[in-house]
Each structure stands twice: as structure tokens, then as C-alpha cells.
Amino acid sequence: MTTPKSPSPSTAAPAAPSAAASPDVALVHRVAEDGTVHVIRRRGDQLEAGALQPLREGAPIQGEVLSLRPRENCPVLCDVDVLYTPPAAAKSAAPPPPRAGRRKGPAQVATDEYRDNWDSIWSRKKSDALN
């Protein structure tokens, strides 16, 4: 009976660094004229289809901010670095329930200066206003 030979280090296949190094990868399948990059993204065990748009100064950010690093052996396959993730509370934030006794409209704020001016305008007696 012969024992199977273990593979020598020189004949063993190198480990795939892509799966271990970055579980978050994107496959670029189309680039639009406006700069939008359409990708299929593997994040952990999930596959997602999405579109990446370049950041523009003054424009609101929709979703995550990502950085793609193309791989040397396959430039359409990119490692994804997440630079910003919006807070989860902001995505699903619902308005708070109305409180009892709450008024509609703007806040009614009365300062001492407001009260003094109100009194100076509207506190006249009718006899003073007629003279």
C-alpha cells in the first residue's frame, strides 16, 4: 500500500488573495458618457447591481462613497474601499409621532423686547387713540 504524496511547496497552487484580501469586490460592466460606472458588486455573500457616480462639489451624496482599485490581472474587477457610509438612522428615519397639545405652524416665541413693543403699540387706551 502506498501513501499519497503531499504536494511540495513549489507545486502547490498559490492561494487566491482576492477572496481573502477583499470580500468586497465590484465587476465593472459599463461606463456611461456622463461618467456613471455600472457595476455588479459582491459584498460578503450578497450580489448587488449598482451605479457609481463621480462626486460633484455642492451635490448631495446619495448612498455610500466608494473607491475602486482595479486588480492588476483583471482591470474590470476592482477591490472596493468604503470611504463613507450614511448613518442607518437617517435612511429609515420616520418623523416623530405628534405630541399631545402640539400646535401646527411656526414656533411662538415671545421675548421681552417683543412684549415691550407689543405693549407700546397695542396698549393704548381708547381715549388716547382718539386724541
C-alpha atoms as a PDB file:
ATOM      1  CA  MET A   1       0.000   0.000   0.000  1.00  0.00           C
ATOM      2  CA  THR A   2       1.401   3.358  -0.975  1.00  0.00           C
ATOM      3  CA  THR A   3       0.736   6.586   0.807  1.00  0.00           C
ATOM      4  CA  PRO A   4      -0.279   9.590  -1.270  1.00  0.00           C
ATOM      5  CA  LYS A   5       2.391  12.202  -1.605  1.00  0.00           C
ATOM      6  CA  SER A   6       1.682  15.603  -0.162  1.00  0.00           C
ATOM      7  CA  PRO A   7       2.181  18.394  -2.660  1.00  0.00           C
ATOM      8  CA  SER A   8       5.505  20.083  -2.355  1.00  0.00           C
ATOM      9  CA  PRO A   9       5.527  23.834  -1.715  1.00  0.00           C
ATOM     10  CA  SER A  10       6.836  24.502  -5.206  1.00  0.00           C
ATOM     11  CA  THR A  11       3.967  22.626  -6.911  1.00  0.00           C
ATOM     12  CA  ALA A  12       1.159  23.873  -4.691  1.00  0.00           C
ATOM     13  CA  ALA A  13      -1.142  26.437  -6.259  1.00  0.00           C
ATOM     14  CA  PRO A  14      -0.873  29.877  -4.699  1.00  0.00           C
ATOM     15  CA  ALA A  15      -3.810  30.887  -2.539  1.00  0.00           C
ATOM     16  CA  ALA A  16      -6.270  33.239  -4.155  1.00  0.00           C
ATOM     17  CA  PRO A  17      -5.588  36.600  -2.489  1.00  0.00           C
ATOM     18  CA  SER A  18      -8.738  38.141  -3.925  1.00  0.00           C
ATOM     19  CA  ALA A  19     -11.207  36.242  -1.751  1.00  0.00           C
ATOM     20  CA  ALA A  20      -9.212  36.520   1.454  1.00  0.00           C
ATOM     21  CA  ALA A  21      -7.898  40.050   0.996  1.00  0.00           C
ATOM     22  CA  SER A  22     -11.119  41.775  -0.009  1.00  0.00           C
ATOM     23  CA  PRO A  23     -14.579  40.259   0.375  1.00  0.00           C
ATOM     24  CA  ASP A  24     -15.950  43.433  -1.204  1.00  0.00           C
ATOM     25  CA  VAL A  25     -15.350  43.463  -4.973  1.00  0.00           C
ATOM     26  CA  ALA A  26     -17.037  45.060  -7.977  1.00  0.00           C
ATOM     27  CA  LEU A  27     -17.148  43.992 -11.605  1.00  0.00           C
ATOM     28  CA  VAL A  28     -17.400  46.956 -13.975  1.00  0.00           C
ATOM     29  CA  HIS A  29     -19.692  46.112 -16.875  1.00  0.00           C
ATOM     30  CA  ARG A  30     -20.436  49.520 -18.398  1.00  0.00           C
ATOM     31  CA  VAL A  31     -19.232  53.115 -18.240  1.00  0.00           C
ATOM     32  CA  ALA A  32     -21.716  55.762 -19.424  1.00  0.00           C
ATOM     33  CA  GLU A  33     -20.817  59.001 -21.186  1.00  0.00           C
ATOM     34  CA  ASP A  34     -21.636  61.092 -18.103  1.00  0.00           C
ATOM     35  CA  GLY A  35     -19.078  59.161 -16.024  1.00  0.00           C
ATOM     36  CA  THR A  36     -21.534  56.776 -14.337  1.00  0.00           C
ATOM     37  CA  VAL A  37     -19.951  53.360 -13.773  1.00  0.00           C
ATOM     38  CA  HIS A  38     -22.370  50.407 -13.717  1.00  0.00           C
ATOM     39  CA  VAL A  39     -21.137  47.523 -11.561  1.00  0.00           C
ATOM     40  CA  ILE A  40     -22.079  44.182 -10.100  1.00  0.00           C
ATOM     41  CA  ARG A  41     -20.831  44.177  -6.524  1.00  0.00           C
ATOM     42  CA  ARG A  42     -20.126  41.234  -4.264  1.00  0.00           C
ATOM     43  CA  ARG A  43     -20.261  42.289  -0.633  1.00  0.00           C
ATOM     44  CA  GLY A  44     -19.744  39.266   1.583  1.00  0.00           C
ATOM     45  CA  ASP A  45     -22.278  36.691   0.362  1.00  0.00           C
ATOM     46  CA  GLN A  46     -24.567  39.204  -1.375  1.00  0.00           C
ATOM     47  CA  LEU A  47     -24.591  40.238  -5.030  1.00  0.00           C
ATOM     48  CA  GLU A  48     -25.817  43.737  -5.845  1.00  0.00           C
ATOM     49  CA  ALA A  49     -26.191  45.697  -9.066  1.00  0.00           C
ATOM     50  CA  GLY A  50     -25.495  49.401  -8.847  1.00  0.00           C
ATOM     51  CA  ALA A  51     -24.329  52.578 -10.485  1.00  0.00           C
ATOM     52  CA  LEU A  52     -21.470  54.710  -9.219  1.00  0.00           C
ATOM     53  CA  GLN A  53     -21.418  58.401  -9.999  1.00  0.00           C
ATOM     54  CA  PRO A  54     -18.481  60.769  -9.569  1.00  0.00           C
ATOM     55  CA  LEU A  55     -18.682  63.114  -6.594  1.00  0.00           C
ATOM     56  CA  ARG A  56     -19.507  66.676  -7.582  1.00  0.00           C
ATOM     57  CA  GLU A  57     -18.864  69.665  -5.367  1.00  0.00           C
ATOM     58  CA  GLY A  58     -22.081  71.011  -3.890  1.00  0.00           C
ATOM     59  CA  ALA A  59     -24.163  67.998  -4.992  1.00  0.00           C
ATOM     60  CA  PRO A  60     -25.794  65.830  -2.314  1.00  0.00           C
ATOM     61  CA  ILE A  61     -24.308  62.410  -1.611  1.00  0.00           C
ATOM     62  CA  GLN A  62     -26.690  59.560  -2.369  1.00  0.00           C
ATOM     63  CA  GLY A  63     -25.652  56.371  -0.546  1.00  0.00           C
ATOM     64  CA  GLU A  64     -22.088  55.287   0.124  1.00  0.00           C
ATOM     65  CA  VAL A  65     -18.846  56.897  -1.044  1.00  0.00           C
ATOM     66  CA  LEU A  66     -16.614  54.220  -2.581  1.00  0.00           C
ATOM     67  CA  SER A  67     -13.139  53.951  -4.002  1.00  0.00           C
ATOM     68  CA  LEU A  68     -12.405  51.286  -6.638  1.00  0.00           C
ATOM     69  CA  ARG A  69      -8.933  49.778  -7.033  1.00  0.00           C
ATOM     70  CA  PRO A  70      -8.591  47.791 -10.287  1.00  0.00           C
ATOM     71  CA  ARG A  71      -6.746  44.497  -9.993  1.00  0.00           C
ATOM     72  CA  GLU A  72      -3.552  44.028 -12.000  1.00  0.00           C
ATOM     73  CA  ASN A  73      -4.565  40.732 -13.595  1.00  0.00           C
ATOM     74  CA  CYS A  74      -8.148  41.828 -14.470  1.00  0.00           C
ATOM     75  CA  PRO A  75      -8.768  45.611 -14.656  1.00  0.00           C
ATOM     76  CA  VAL A  76     -12.582  45.293 -14.804  1.00  0.00           C
ATOM     77  CA  LEU A  77     -12.549  43.552 -11.398  1.00  0.00           C
ATOM     78  CA  CYS A  78     -11.972  46.083  -8.629  1.00  0.00           C
ATOM     79  CA  ASP A  79     -11.450  45.936  -4.890  1.00  0.00           C
ATOM     80  CA  VAL A  80     -13.919  48.239  -3.142  1.00  0.00           C
ATOM     81  CA  ASP A  81     -12.940  50.565  -0.301  1.00  0.00           C
ATOM     82  CA  VAL A  82     -15.892  52.145   1.536  1.00  0.00           C
ATOM     83  CA  LEU A  83     -14.945  55.729   2.433  1.00  0.00           C
ATOM     84  CA  TYR A  84     -18.300  56.844   3.856  1.00  0.00           C
ATOM     85  CA  THR A  85     -21.476  55.023   4.878  1.00  0.00           C
ATOM     86  CA  PRO A  86     -24.528  57.125   5.756  1.00  0.00           C
ATOM     87  CA  PRO A  87     -25.994  56.529   9.196  1.00  0.00           C
ATOM     88  CA  ALA A  88     -28.614  53.782   9.252  1.00  0.00           C
ATOM     89  CA  ALA A  89     -30.965  56.000  11.271  1.00  0.00           C
ATOM     90  CA  ALA A  90     -31.023  58.629   8.516  1.00  0.00           C
ATOM     91  CA  LYS A  91     -32.062  56.066   5.875  1.00  0.00           C
ATOM     92  CA  SER A  92     -35.122  54.867   7.722  1.00  0.00           C
ATOM     93  CA  ALA A  93     -35.854  57.929   9.826  1.00  0.00           C
ATOM     94  CA  ALA A  94     -39.549  58.481  10.254  1.00  0.00           C
ATOM     95  CA  PRO A  95     -40.975  61.717  11.641  1.00  0.00           C
ATOM     96  CA  PRO A  96     -41.581  61.544  15.385  1.00  0.00           C
ATOM     97  CA  PRO A  97     -45.152  60.864  16.485  1.00  0.00           C
ATOM     98  CA  PRO A  98     -47.180  64.001  17.223  1.00  0.00           C
ATOM     99  CA  ARG A  99     -47.271  65.024  20.870  1.00  0.00           C
ATOM    100  CA  ALA A 100     -50.472  65.915  22.666  1.00  0.00           C
ATOM    101  CA  GLY A 101     -51.100  69.667  22.748  1.00  0.00           C
ATOM    102  CA  ARG A 102     -48.732  70.372  19.895  1.00  0.00           C
ATOM    103  CA  ARG A 103     -49.701  73.285  17.669  1.00  0.00           C
ATOM    104  CA  LYS A 104     -49.362  73.495  13.935  1.00  0.00           C
ATOM    105  CA  GLY A 105     -47.426  76.358  12.433  1.00  0.00           C
ATOM    106  CA  PRO A 106     -44.273  78.190  13.425  1.00  0.00           C
ATOM    107  CA  ALA A 107     -42.977  78.299  16.963  1.00  0.00           C
ATOM    108  CA  GLN A 108     -44.489  81.058  19.042  1.00  0.00           C
ATOM    109  CA  VAL A 109     -41.641  82.774  20.800  1.00  0.00           C
ATOM    110  CA  ALA A 110     -42.183  85.929  22.838  1.00  0.00           C
ATOM    111  CA  THR A 111     -39.104  87.763  24.110  1.00  0.00           C
ATOM    112  CA  ASP A 112     -39.088  90.720  26.493  1.00  0.00           C
ATOM    113  CA  GLU A 113     -38.319  93.051  23.573  1.00  0.00           C
ATOM    114  CA  TYR A 114     -41.311  91.661  21.652  1.00  0.00           C
ATOM    115  CA  ARG A 115     -43.597  92.177  24.654  1.00  0.00           C
ATOM    116  CA  ASP A 116     -42.343  95.760  25.175  1.00  0.00           C
ATOM    117  CA  ASN A 117     -43.001  96.654  21.549  1.00  0.00           C
ATOM    118  CA  TRP A 118     -46.394  94.948  21.604  1.00  0.00           C
ATOM    119  CA  ASP A 119     -47.363  96.947  24.657  1.00  0.00           C
ATOM    120  CA  SER A 120     -46.159 100.208  23.139  1.00  0.00           C
ATOM    121  CA  ILE A 121     -48.287  99.674  20.034  1.00  0.00           C
ATOM    122  CA  TRP A 122     -51.451  97.993  21.295  1.00  0.00           C
ATOM    123  CA  SER A 123     -51.767  99.027  24.982  1.00  0.00           C
ATOM    124  CA  ARG A 124     -53.205 102.487  24.353  1.00  0.00           C
ATOM    125  CA  LYS A 125     -56.480 103.336  25.915  1.00  0.00           C
ATOM    126  CA  LYS A 126     -59.256 104.173  23.501  1.00  0.00           C
ATOM    127  CA  SER A 127     -59.385 107.730  24.810  1.00  0.00           C
ATOM    128  CA  ASP A 128     -55.644 108.196  23.946  1.00  0.00           C
ATOM    129  CA  ALA A 129     -56.149 106.846  20.447  1.00  0.00           C
ATOM    130  CA  LEU A 130     -58.975 109.283  19.695  1.00  0.00           C
ATOM    131  CA  ASN A 131     -56.926 112.394  20.602  1.00  0.00           C
END
